[in-house]
Amino acid sequence: MFLVVPDPAHGLVAAPRSSDDLTPDTEETLTLQGFAWNSEIGAYTRPTDSSPASVDLTAGALRELGHYVISPYTPLPTA
């Protein structure tokens, strides 16, 4: 499970519930989206672009990998 939220101090945050959520595919996906691990808060962060669309994009990518995701925005409709 992940929490994906915008944060004023860290930008966009993708926080795993446990280390079991950090699969190689998940880590690769987040890294490719420009995230880096922040050991201070125990989450992946991306300091730029924490817009609703970015939250939805990140949450969607994590859902496609089979993760349950909590985010403050509604997922964008799929075409």
PDB file of N, CA and C in Angstrom:
ATOM      1  N   MET A   1       0.853  -1.168   0.000  1.00  0.00           N
ATOM      2  CA  MET A   1       0.000   0.000   0.000  1.00  0.00           C
ATOM      3  C   MET A   1       0.902   1.235   0.000  1.00  0.00           C
ATOM      4  N   PHE A   2       0.498   2.247  -0.746  1.00  0.00           N
ATOM      5  CA  PHE A   2       1.218   3.508  -0.826  1.00  0.00           C
ATOM      6  C   PHE A   2       0.283   4.679  -0.541  1.00  0.00           C
ATOM      7  N   LEU A   3       0.841   5.697   0.052  1.00  0.00           N
ATOM      8  CA  LEU A   3       0.191   6.990   0.176  1.00  0.00           C
ATOM      9  C   LEU A   3       0.898   7.911  -0.805  1.00  0.00           C
ATOM     10  N   VAL A   4       0.163   8.502  -1.724  1.00  0.00           N
ATOM     11  CA  VAL A   4       0.736   9.424  -2.705  1.00  0.00           C
ATOM     12  C   VAL A   4       0.085  10.783  -2.483  1.00  0.00           C
ATOM     13  N   VAL A   5       0.903  11.757  -2.043  1.00  0.00           N
ATOM     14  CA  VAL A   5       0.380  13.068  -1.683  1.00  0.00           C
ATOM     15  C   VAL A   5       1.357  14.181  -2.034  1.00  0.00           C
ATOM     16  N   PRO A   6       0.831  15.365  -2.318  1.00  0.00           N
ATOM     17  CA  PRO A   6       1.713  16.529  -2.442  1.00  0.00           C
ATOM     18  C   PRO A   6       2.072  17.008  -1.035  1.00  0.00           C
ATOM     19  N   ASP A   7       3.310  17.447  -0.869  1.00  0.00           N
ATOM     20  CA  ASP A   7       3.780  17.916   0.433  1.00  0.00           C
ATOM     21  C   ASP A   7       4.570  19.203   0.216  1.00  0.00           C
ATOM     22  N   PRO A   8       4.249  20.272   0.927  1.00  0.00           N
ATOM     23  CA  PRO A   8       4.947  21.546   0.706  1.00  0.00           C
ATOM     24  C   PRO A   8       6.453  21.462   0.913  1.00  0.00           C
ATOM     25  N   ALA A   9       6.901  20.631   1.816  1.00  0.00           N
ATOM     26  CA  ALA A   9       8.331  20.547   2.116  1.00  0.00           C
ATOM     27  C   ALA A   9       9.097  19.592   1.199  1.00  0.00           C
ATOM     28  N   HIS A  10       8.394  18.605   0.606  1.00  0.00           N
ATOM     29  CA  HIS A  10       9.095  17.570  -0.156  1.00  0.00           C
ATOM     30  C   HIS A  10       8.622  17.421  -1.600  1.00  0.00           C
ATOM     31  N   GLY A  11       7.648  18.160  -2.013  1.00  0.00           N
ATOM     32  CA  GLY A  11       7.100  17.987  -3.362  1.00  0.00           C
ATOM     33  C   GLY A  11       6.090  16.860  -3.380  1.00  0.00           C
ATOM     34  N   LEU A  12       6.221  15.965  -4.334  1.00  0.00           N
ATOM     35  CA  LEU A  12       5.316  14.818  -4.427  1.00  0.00           C
ATOM     36  C   LEU A  12       5.927  13.659  -3.649  1.00  0.00           C
ATOM     37  N   VAL A  13       5.136  13.036  -2.791  1.00  0.00           N
ATOM     38  CA  VAL A  13       5.614  11.963  -1.915  1.00  0.00           C
ATOM     39  C   VAL A  13       4.859  10.675  -2.230  1.00  0.00           C
ATOM     40  N   ALA A  14       5.605   9.589  -2.375  1.00  0.00           N
ATOM     41  CA  ALA A  14       5.037   8.246  -2.526  1.00  0.00           C
ATOM     42  C   ALA A  14       5.576   7.422  -1.369  1.00  0.00           C
ATOM     43  N   ALA A  15       4.755   7.259  -0.341  1.00  0.00           N
ATOM     44  CA  ALA A  15       5.189   6.608   0.895  1.00  0.00           C
ATOM     45  C   ALA A  15       4.654   5.188   0.979  1.00  0.00           C
ATOM     46  N   PRO A  16       5.537   4.187   1.048  1.00  0.00           N
ATOM     47  CA  PRO A  16       5.074   2.811   1.203  1.00  0.00           C
ATOM     48  C   PRO A  16       4.662   2.539   2.644  1.00  0.00           C
ATOM     49  N   ARG A  17       3.708   1.644   2.804  1.00  0.00           N
ATOM     50  CA  ARG A  17       3.292   1.272   4.159  1.00  0.00           C
ATOM     51  C   ARG A  17       4.377   0.447   4.840  1.00  0.00           C
ATOM     52  N   SER A  18       5.033  -0.418   4.076  1.00  0.00           N
ATOM     53  CA  SER A  18       6.106  -1.235   4.640  1.00  0.00           C
ATOM     54  C   SER A  18       7.170  -1.480   3.578  1.00  0.00           C
ATOM     55  N   SER A  19       8.297  -2.017   4.012  1.00  0.00           N
ATOM     56  CA  SER A  19       9.374  -2.309   3.063  1.00  0.00           C
ATOM     57  C   SER A  19       8.966  -3.402   2.073  1.00  0.00           C
ATOM     58  N   ASP A  20       7.968  -4.207   2.401  1.00  0.00           N
ATOM     59  CA  ASP A  20       7.475  -5.231   1.478  1.00  0.00           C
ATOM     60  C   ASP A  20       6.877  -4.619   0.212  1.00  0.00           C
ATOM     61  N   ASP A  21       6.453  -3.364   0.291  1.00  0.00           N
ATOM     62  CA  ASP A  21       5.875  -2.685  -0.870  1.00  0.00           C
ATOM     63  C   ASP A  21       6.939  -2.235  -1.872  1.00  0.00           C
ATOM     64  N   LEU A  22       8.194  -2.257  -1.468  1.00  0.00           N
ATOM     65  CA  LEU A  22       9.273  -1.764  -2.320  1.00  0.00           C
ATOM     66  C   LEU A  22       9.866  -2.889  -3.161  1.00  0.00           C
ATOM     67  N   THR A  23       9.100  -3.326  -4.141  1.00  0.00           N
ATOM     68  CA  THR A  23       9.571  -4.354  -5.060  1.00  0.00           C
ATOM     69  C   THR A  23      10.524  -3.718  -6.072  1.00  0.00           C
ATOM     70  N   PRO A  24      11.363  -4.513  -6.728  1.00  0.00           N
ATOM     71  CA  PRO A  24      12.251  -3.943  -7.753  1.00  0.00           C
ATOM     72  C   PRO A  24      11.493  -3.181  -8.845  1.00  0.00           C
ATOM     73  N   ASP A  25      10.346  -3.720  -9.288  1.00  0.00           N
ATOM     74  CA  ASP A  25       9.558  -3.028 -10.323  1.00  0.00           C
ATOM     75  C   ASP A  25       9.028  -1.690  -9.816  1.00  0.00           C
ATOM     76  N   THR A  26       8.606  -1.663  -8.558  1.00  0.00           N
ATOM     77  CA  THR A  26       8.085  -0.427  -7.979  1.00  0.00           C
ATOM     78  C   THR A  26       9.187   0.611  -7.860  1.00  0.00           C
ATOM     79  N   GLU A  27      10.340   0.201  -7.368  1.00  0.00           N
ATOM     80  CA  GLU A  27      11.459   1.132  -7.230  1.00  0.00           C
ATOM     81  C   GLU A  27      11.898   1.666  -8.589  1.00  0.00           C
ATOM     82  N   GLU A  28      11.934   0.793  -9.600  1.00  0.00           N
ATOM     83  CA  GLU A  28      12.318   1.219 -10.949  1.00  0.00           C
ATOM     84  C   GLU A  28      11.297   2.216 -11.514  1.00  0.00           C
ATOM     85  N   THR A  29      10.010   1.926 -11.342  1.00  0.00           N
ATOM     86  CA  THR A  29       8.960   2.812 -11.852  1.00  0.00           C
ATOM     87  C   THR A  29       9.062   4.194 -11.223  1.00  0.00           C
ATOM     88  N   LEU A  30       9.228   4.250  -9.907  1.00  0.00           N
ATOM     89  CA  LEU A  30       9.323   5.545  -9.230  1.00  0.00           C
ATOM     90  C   LEU A  30      10.596   6.292  -9.646  1.00  0.00           C
ATOM     91  N   THR A  31      11.701   5.578  -9.773  1.00  0.00           N
ATOM     92  CA  THR A  31      12.952   6.209 -10.196  1.00  0.00           C
ATOM     93  C   THR A  31      12.820   6.786 -11.602  1.00  0.00           C
ATOM     94  N   LEU A  32      12.180   6.032 -12.496  1.00  0.00           N
ATOM     95  CA  LEU A  32      11.983   6.525 -13.864  1.00  0.00           C
ATOM     96  C   LEU A  32      11.085   7.761 -13.909  1.00  0.00           C
ATOM     97  N   GLN A  33      10.214   7.916 -12.912  1.00  0.00           N
ATOM     98  CA  GLN A  33       9.361   9.106 -12.837  1.00  0.00           C
ATOM     99  C   GLN A  33      10.066  10.272 -12.132  1.00  0.00           C
ATOM    100  N   GLY A  34      11.337  10.094 -11.775  1.00  0.00           N
ATOM    101  CA  GLY A  34      12.094  11.191 -11.177  1.00  0.00           C
ATOM    102  C   GLY A  34      12.091  11.219  -9.659  1.00  0.00           C
ATOM    103  N   PHE A  35      11.619  10.158  -9.026  1.00  0.00           N
ATOM    104  CA  PHE A  35      11.608  10.088  -7.567  1.00  0.00           C
ATOM    105  C   PHE A  35      12.957   9.606  -7.048  1.00  0.00           C
ATOM    106  N   ALA A  36      13.279   9.997  -5.826  1.00  0.00           N
ATOM    107  CA  ALA A  36      14.460   9.508  -5.122  1.00  0.00           C
ATOM    108  C   ALA A  36      14.048   9.147  -3.702  1.00  0.00           C
ATOM    109  N   TRP A  37      14.707   8.133  -3.142  1.00  0.00           N
ATOM    110  CA  TRP A  37      14.387   7.708  -1.788  1.00  0.00           C
ATOM    111  C   TRP A  37      14.861   8.759  -0.802  1.00  0.00           C
ATOM    112  N   ASN A  38      13.985   9.138   0.112  1.00  0.00           N
ATOM    113  CA  ASN A  38      14.303  10.091   1.172  1.00  0.00           C
ATOM    114  C   ASN A  38      14.261   9.322   2.485  1.00  0.00           C
ATOM    115  N   SER A  39      15.441   8.962   3.006  1.00  0.00           N
ATOM    116  CA  SER A  39      15.483   8.141   4.217  1.00  0.00           C
ATOM    117  C   SER A  39      15.021   8.902   5.455  1.00  0.00           C
ATOM    118  N   GLU A  40      15.070  10.227   5.388  1.00  0.00           N
ATOM    119  CA  GLU A  40      14.606  11.035   6.519  1.00  0.00           C
ATOM    120  C   GLU A  40      13.124  10.805   6.808  1.00  0.00           C
ATOM    121  N   ILE A  41      12.322  10.699   5.744  1.00  0.00           N
ATOM    122  CA  ILE A  41      10.880  10.497   5.939  1.00  0.00           C
ATOM    123  C   ILE A  41      10.421   9.096   5.551  1.00  0.00           C
ATOM    124  N   GLY A  42      11.326   8.265   5.027  1.00  0.00           N
ATOM    125  CA  GLY A  42      10.975   6.894   4.671  1.00  0.00           C
ATOM    126  C   GLY A  42      10.021   6.797   3.507  1.00  0.00           C
ATOM    127  N   ALA A  43      10.280   7.609   2.472  1.00  0.00           N
ATOM    128  CA  ALA A  43       9.390   7.633   1.312  1.00  0.00           C
ATOM    129  C   ALA A  43      10.159   8.107   0.083  1.00  0.00           C
ATOM    130  N   TYR A  44       9.568   7.840  -1.079  1.00  0.00           N
ATOM    131  CA  TYR A  44      10.104   8.396  -2.315  1.00  0.00           C
ATOM    132  C   TYR A  44       9.563   9.809  -2.464  1.00  0.00           C
ATOM    133  N   THR A  45      10.421  10.737  -2.874  1.00  0.00           N
ATOM    134  CA  THR A  45       9.993  12.117  -3.069  1.00  0.00           C
ATOM    135  C   THR A  45      10.475  12.624  -4.421  1.00  0.00           C
ATOM    136  N   ARG A  46       9.708  13.558  -4.954  1.00  0.00           N
ATOM    137  CA  ARG A  46      10.081  14.273  -6.180  1.00  0.00           C
ATOM    138  C   ARG A  46       9.775  15.739  -5.920  1.00  0.00           C
ATOM    139  N   PRO A  47      10.808  16.583  -5.850  1.00  0.00           N
ATOM    140  CA  PRO A  47      10.596  17.963  -5.417  1.00  0.00           C
ATOM    141  C   PRO A  47       9.810  18.840  -6.396  1.00  0.00           C
ATOM    142  N   THR A  48       9.666  18.427  -7.627  1.00  0.00           N
ATOM    143  CA  THR A  48       8.959  19.261  -8.606  1.00  0.00           C
ATOM    144  C   THR A  48       7.646  18.619  -9.011  1.00  0.00           C
ATOM    145  N   ASP A  49       6.714  19.452  -9.431  1.00  0.00           N
ATOM    146  CA  ASP A  49       5.444  19.014 -10.011  1.00  0.00           C
ATOM    147  C   ASP A  49       4.636  18.089  -9.111  1.00  0.00           C
ATOM    148  N   SER A  50       3.976  18.684  -8.141  1.00  0.00           N
ATOM    149  CA  SER A  50       3.077  17.908  -7.277  1.00  0.00           C
ATOM    150  C   SER A  50       1.620  18.250  -7.567  1.00  0.00           C
ATOM    151  N   SER A  51       1.324  18.464  -8.840  1.00  0.00           N
ATOM    152  CA  SER A  51      -0.025  18.802  -9.277  1.00  0.00           C
ATOM    153  C   SER A  51      -0.969  17.613  -9.136  1.00  0.00           C
ATOM    154  N   PRO A  52      -2.277  17.857  -9.168  1.00  0.00           N
ATOM    155  CA  PRO A  52      -3.234  16.742  -9.128  1.00  0.00           C
ATOM    156  C   PRO A  52      -2.984  15.711 -10.234  1.00  0.00           C
ATOM    157  N   ALA A  53      -2.617  16.180 -11.428  1.00  0.00           N
ATOM    158  CA  ALA A  53      -2.352  15.247 -12.527  1.00  0.00           C
ATOM    159  C   ALA A  53      -1.141  14.368 -12.222  1.00  0.00           C
ATOM    160  N   SER A  54      -0.126  14.938 -11.582  1.00  0.00           N
ATOM    161  CA  SER A  54       1.057  14.151 -11.225  1.00  0.00           C
ATOM    162  C   SER A  54       0.744  13.131 -10.139  1.00  0.00           C
ATOM    163  N   VAL A  55      -0.088  13.528  -9.186  1.00  0.00           N
ATOM    164  CA  VAL A  55      -0.522  12.578  -8.156  1.00  0.00           C
ATOM    165  C   VAL A  55      -1.257  11.422  -8.814  1.00  0.00           C
ATOM    166  N   ASP A  56      -2.171  11.728  -9.722  1.00  0.00           N
ATOM    167  CA  ASP A  56      -2.942  10.693 -10.410  1.00  0.00           C
ATOM    168  C   ASP A  56      -2.047   9.788 -11.255  1.00  0.00           C
ATOM    169  N   LEU A  57      -1.066  10.366 -11.941  1.00  0.00           N
ATOM    170  CA  LEU A  57      -0.155   9.585 -12.774  1.00  0.00           C
ATOM    171  C   LEU A  57       0.652   8.613 -11.917  1.00  0.00           C
ATOM    172  N   THR A  58       1.190   9.103 -10.821  1.00  0.00           N
ATOM    173  CA  THR A  58       1.984   8.250  -9.931  1.00  0.00           C
ATOM    174  C   THR A  58       1.112   7.181  -9.283  1.00  0.00           C
ATOM    175  N   ALA A  59      -0.048   7.562  -8.792  1.00  0.00           N
ATOM    176  CA  ALA A  59      -0.962   6.598  -8.176  1.00  0.00           C
ATOM    177  C   ALA A  59      -1.372   5.536  -9.196  1.00  0.00           C
ATOM    178  N   GLY A  60      -1.647   5.948 -10.420  1.00  0.00           N
ATOM    179  CA  GLY A  60      -2.023   5.002 -11.472  1.00  0.00           C
ATOM    180  C   GLY A  60      -0.917   4.014 -11.789  1.00  0.00           C
ATOM    181  N   ALA A  61       0.319   4.508 -11.856  1.00  0.00           N
ATOM    182  CA  ALA A  61       1.451   3.622 -12.140  1.00  0.00           C
ATOM    183  C   ALA A  61       1.621   2.595 -11.024  1.00  0.00           C
ATOM    184  N   LEU A  62       1.450   3.026  -9.783  1.00  0.00           N
ATOM    185  CA  LEU A  62       1.565   2.094  -8.653  1.00  0.00           C
ATOM    186  C   LEU A  62       0.419   1.092  -8.643  1.00  0.00           C
ATOM    187  N   ARG A  63      -0.772   1.533  -9.012  1.00  0.00           N
ATOM    188  CA  ARG A  63      -1.919   0.616  -9.087  1.00  0.00           C
ATOM    189  C   ARG A  63      -1.697  -0.431 -10.177  1.00  0.00           C
ATOM    190  N   GLU A  64      -1.123  -0.021 -11.299  1.00  0.00           N
ATOM    191  CA  GLU A  64      -0.843  -0.968 -12.383  1.00  0.00           C
ATOM    192  C   GLU A  64       0.133  -2.055 -11.939  1.00  0.00           C
ATOM    193  N   LEU A  65       0.972  -1.726 -10.954  1.00  0.00           N
ATOM    194  CA  LEU A  65       1.910  -2.711 -10.415  1.00  0.00           C
ATOM    195  C   LEU A  65       1.274  -3.569  -9.320  1.00  0.00           C
ATOM    196  N   GLY A  66      -0.014  -3.352  -9.053  1.00  0.00           N
ATOM    197  CA  GLY A  66      -0.742  -4.168  -8.097  1.00  0.00           C
ATOM    198  C   GLY A  66      -0.815  -3.608  -6.684  1.00  0.00           C
ATOM    199  N   HIS A  67      -0.383  -2.362  -6.503  1.00  0.00           N
ATOM    200  CA  HIS A  67      -0.427  -1.756  -5.175  1.00  0.00           C
ATOM    201  C   HIS A  67      -1.774  -1.097  -4.912  1.00  0.00           C
ATOM    202  N   TYR A  68      -2.201  -1.149  -3.679  1.00  0.00           N
ATOM    203  CA  TYR A  68      -3.338  -0.365  -3.232  1.00  0.00           C
ATOM    204  C   TYR A  68      -2.777   1.024  -2.929  1.00  0.00           C
ATOM    205  N   VAL A  69      -3.449   2.080  -3.417  1.00  0.00           N
ATOM    206  CA  VAL A  69      -2.933   3.440  -3.277  1.00  0.00           C
ATOM    207  C   VAL A  69      -4.001   4.347  -2.688  1.00  0.00           C
ATOM    208  N   ILE A  70      -3.583   5.137  -1.712  1.00  0.00           N
ATOM    209  CA  ILE A  70      -4.431   6.181  -1.144  1.00  0.00           C
ATOM    210  C   ILE A  70      -3.856   7.514  -1.615  1.00  0.00           C
ATOM    211  N   SER A  71      -4.712   8.350  -2.186  1.00  0.00           N
ATOM    212  CA  SER A  71      -4.273   9.681  -2.623  1.00  0.00           C
ATOM    213  C   SER A  71      -5.432  10.652  -2.457  1.00  0.00           C
ATOM    214  N   PRO A  72      -5.114  11.952  -2.357  1.00  0.00           N
ATOM    215  CA  PRO A  72      -6.178  12.938  -2.137  1.00  0.00           C
ATOM    216  C   PRO A  72      -6.938  13.324  -3.392  1.00  0.00           C
ATOM    217  N   TYR A  73      -6.564  12.791  -4.529  1.00  0.00           N
ATOM    218  CA  TYR A  73      -7.221  13.159  -5.774  1.00  0.00           C
ATOM    219  C   TYR A  73      -7.925  11.961  -6.377  1.00  0.00           C
ATOM    220  N   THR A  74      -8.909  12.229  -7.179  1.00  0.00           N
ATOM    221  CA  THR A  74      -9.642  11.199  -7.891  1.00  0.00           C
ATOM    222  C   THR A  74      -8.844  10.787  -9.113  1.00  0.00           C
ATOM    223  N   PRO A  75      -8.686   9.486  -9.371  1.00  0.00           N
ATOM    224  CA  PRO A  75      -7.957   9.077 -10.580  1.00  0.00           C
ATOM    225  C   PRO A  75      -8.589   9.656 -11.840  1.00  0.00           C
ATOM    226  N   LEU A  76      -7.770  10.002 -12.794  1.00  0.00           N
ATOM    227  CA  LEU A  76      -8.245  10.517 -14.069  1.00  0.00           C
ATOM    228  C   LEU A  76      -9.002   9.426 -14.819  1.00  0.00           C
ATOM    229  N   PRO A  77     -10.058   9.782 -15.541  1.00  0.00           N
ATOM    230  CA  PRO A  77     -10.785   8.757 -16.298  1.00  0.00           C
ATOM    231  C   PRO A  77      -9.904   8.175 -17.410  1.00  0.00           C
ATOM    232  N   THR A  78     -10.071   6.905 -17.676  1.00  0.00           N
ATOM    233  CA  THR A  78      -9.327   6.284 -18.767  1.00  0.00           C
ATOM    234  C   THR A  78     -10.176   6.311 -20.027  1.00  0.00           C
ATOM    235  N   ALA A  79      -9.512   6.455 -21.126  1.00  0.00           N
ATOM    236  CA  ALA A  79     -10.230   6.540 -22.408  1.00  0.00           C
ATOM    237  C   ALA A  79     -10.486   5.180 -22.992  1.00  0.00           C
TER     238      ALA A  79
END
